[in-house]
Each structure stands twice: as C-alpha cells, then as structure tokens.
Amino acid sequence: MGALVLQRLVPRPPRTPPGVESWLNFWDRDDIVVARPRVERWMEPNAAGVVPVTERADTNGLWTHTATKYLAHRAVAGPVAEILKKL
C-alpha cells in the first residue's frame, strides 16, 4: 500500500477525512492488500484528532482479503454491529 497508494493520496500529507469520528484498521498478516499497521504513521489526524487505530485479525486461509473472513472476528464484527444499530 505504501509504495502504490501513499504517494498518490491527496491532501499531502494525507490526513483522516473531516467527517470521520473513529477509524479502526484491521489487518491480516497474509493479506497483501491491506495497509497493515503502518497506516497510523502515514495519516495526520483530522480536526477532531482522529487517526487510524490498528489491530491484527488473522483470518487463516488462502484468500484472506474477503469481508466475510474479517467479519468472523469479534474484534471486527463488534464495532460494525454497533454502528449498524445506530442507523
């Protein structure tokens, strides 16, 4: 992600978008698409001070990038369910 996407992000330096109230970044050690924990160091906070908070969630499988694999983890599914309750 850093080599392919980071250099193309606008604004520079990249920052958490203004409307974001929290940002949970989950990653799997075998998922080559995710930003891994480095996204925390790449992003500046928004006006509310929000930056990504990273947690590892190992999905154990061949294709680890699917949403269903990540949502099988309580750490991932719990916050998603809480937000959906508010809608």
Protein backbone atom coordinates (compact mmCIF):
# COMPACT_ATOMS: atom_id res chain seq x y z
CA MET A 1 0.00 0.00 0.00
CA GLY A 2 2.72 2.46 0.87
CA ALA A 3 4.56 2.10 -2.40
CA LEU A 4 1.45 2.05 -4.61
CA VAL A 5 -1.12 4.28 -2.94
CA LEU A 6 0.50 6.54 -0.37
CA GLN A 7 2.29 8.73 -2.91
CA ARG A 8 -0.99 9.39 -4.76
CA LEU A 9 -3.09 10.46 -1.79
CA VAL A 10 -4.43 14.00 -1.62
CA PRO A 11 -4.13 16.09 0.52
CA ARG A 12 -0.42 15.92 1.23
CA PRO A 13 0.40 14.87 3.85
CA PRO A 14 -2.59 12.51 3.91
CA ARG A 15 -5.00 13.04 6.78
CA THR A 16 -8.09 11.44 8.23
CA PRO A 17 -11.14 12.88 6.41
CA PRO A 18 -13.02 15.59 8.35
CA GLY A 19 -16.26 13.64 8.96
CA VAL A 20 -14.56 10.52 10.35
CA GLU A 21 -15.32 10.09 14.07
CA SER A 22 -13.30 6.89 14.52
CA TRP A 23 -11.12 4.73 12.29
CA LEU A 24 -10.46 1.07 13.09
CA ASN A 25 -7.93 -0.57 10.79
CA PHE A 26 -7.89 -4.38 10.92
CA TRP A 27 -5.29 -6.36 9.05
CA ASP A 28 -4.25 -9.96 8.49
CA ARG A 29 -0.59 -10.91 8.28
CA ASP A 30 -1.27 -12.76 4.99
CA ASP A 31 -3.43 -10.06 3.37
CA ILE A 32 -1.21 -8.30 0.84
CA VAL A 33 -3.85 -5.65 0.04
CA VAL A 34 -4.25 -4.03 3.47
CA ALA A 35 -2.21 -1.13 4.83
CA ARG A 36 -1.07 -3.10 7.87
CA PRO A 37 -0.24 -1.13 10.99
CA ARG A 38 1.78 1.47 9.06
CA VAL A 39 -1.34 3.45 8.12
CA GLU A 40 -1.21 5.02 11.59
CA ARG A 41 2.15 6.57 10.79
CA TRP A 42 1.06 7.74 7.33
CA MET A 43 -2.07 9.69 8.29
CA GLU A 44 -2.30 13.06 10.01
CA PRO A 45 -5.25 13.49 12.39
CA ASN A 46 -8.36 15.39 11.34
CA ALA A 47 -9.60 18.43 13.34
CA ALA A 48 -11.18 16.06 15.89
CA GLY A 49 -7.82 14.32 16.40
CA VAL A 50 -8.93 11.04 14.79
CA VAL A 51 -6.21 8.77 13.41
CA PRO A 52 -6.36 5.09 12.45
CA VAL A 53 -6.20 2.57 15.29
CA THR A 54 -4.78 -0.74 14.10
CA GLU A 55 -5.43 -4.25 15.33
CA ARG A 56 -4.34 -7.54 13.81
CA ALA A 57 -7.09 -10.03 12.91
CA ASP A 58 -5.75 -13.28 11.47
CA THR A 59 -8.26 -14.90 9.14
CA ASN A 60 -6.37 -18.14 8.43
CA GLY A 61 -6.93 -19.10 4.85
CA LEU A 62 -5.80 -18.79 1.27
CA TRP A 63 -7.69 -15.65 0.26
CA THR A 64 -7.64 -13.53 3.39
CA HIS A 65 -8.97 -10.26 1.95
CA THR A 66 -12.69 -11.14 1.91
CA ALA A 67 -15.05 -9.22 4.19
CA THR A 68 -16.57 -12.46 5.48
CA LYS A 69 -13.19 -13.62 6.77
CA TYR A 70 -12.63 -10.37 8.66
CA LEU A 71 -16.21 -10.21 9.95
CA ALA A 72 -15.76 -13.67 11.52
CA HIS A 73 -13.63 -11.93 14.17
CA ARG A 74 -15.39 -10.43 17.18
CA ALA A 75 -12.96 -7.50 17.19
CA VAL A 76 -14.08 -6.60 13.67
CA ALA A 77 -17.76 -7.61 13.79
CA GLY A 78 -18.46 -5.96 17.15
CA PRO A 79 -17.76 -2.36 16.08
CA VAL A 80 -19.55 -2.92 12.75
CA ALA A 81 -22.63 -4.23 14.56
CA GLU A 82 -22.60 -1.25 16.96
CA ILE A 83 -22.59 1.24 14.10
CA LEU A 84 -25.33 -0.64 12.27
CA LYS A 85 -27.52 -0.49 15.40
CA LYS A 86 -27.33 3.32 15.26
CA LEU A 87 -28.60 3.51 11.67
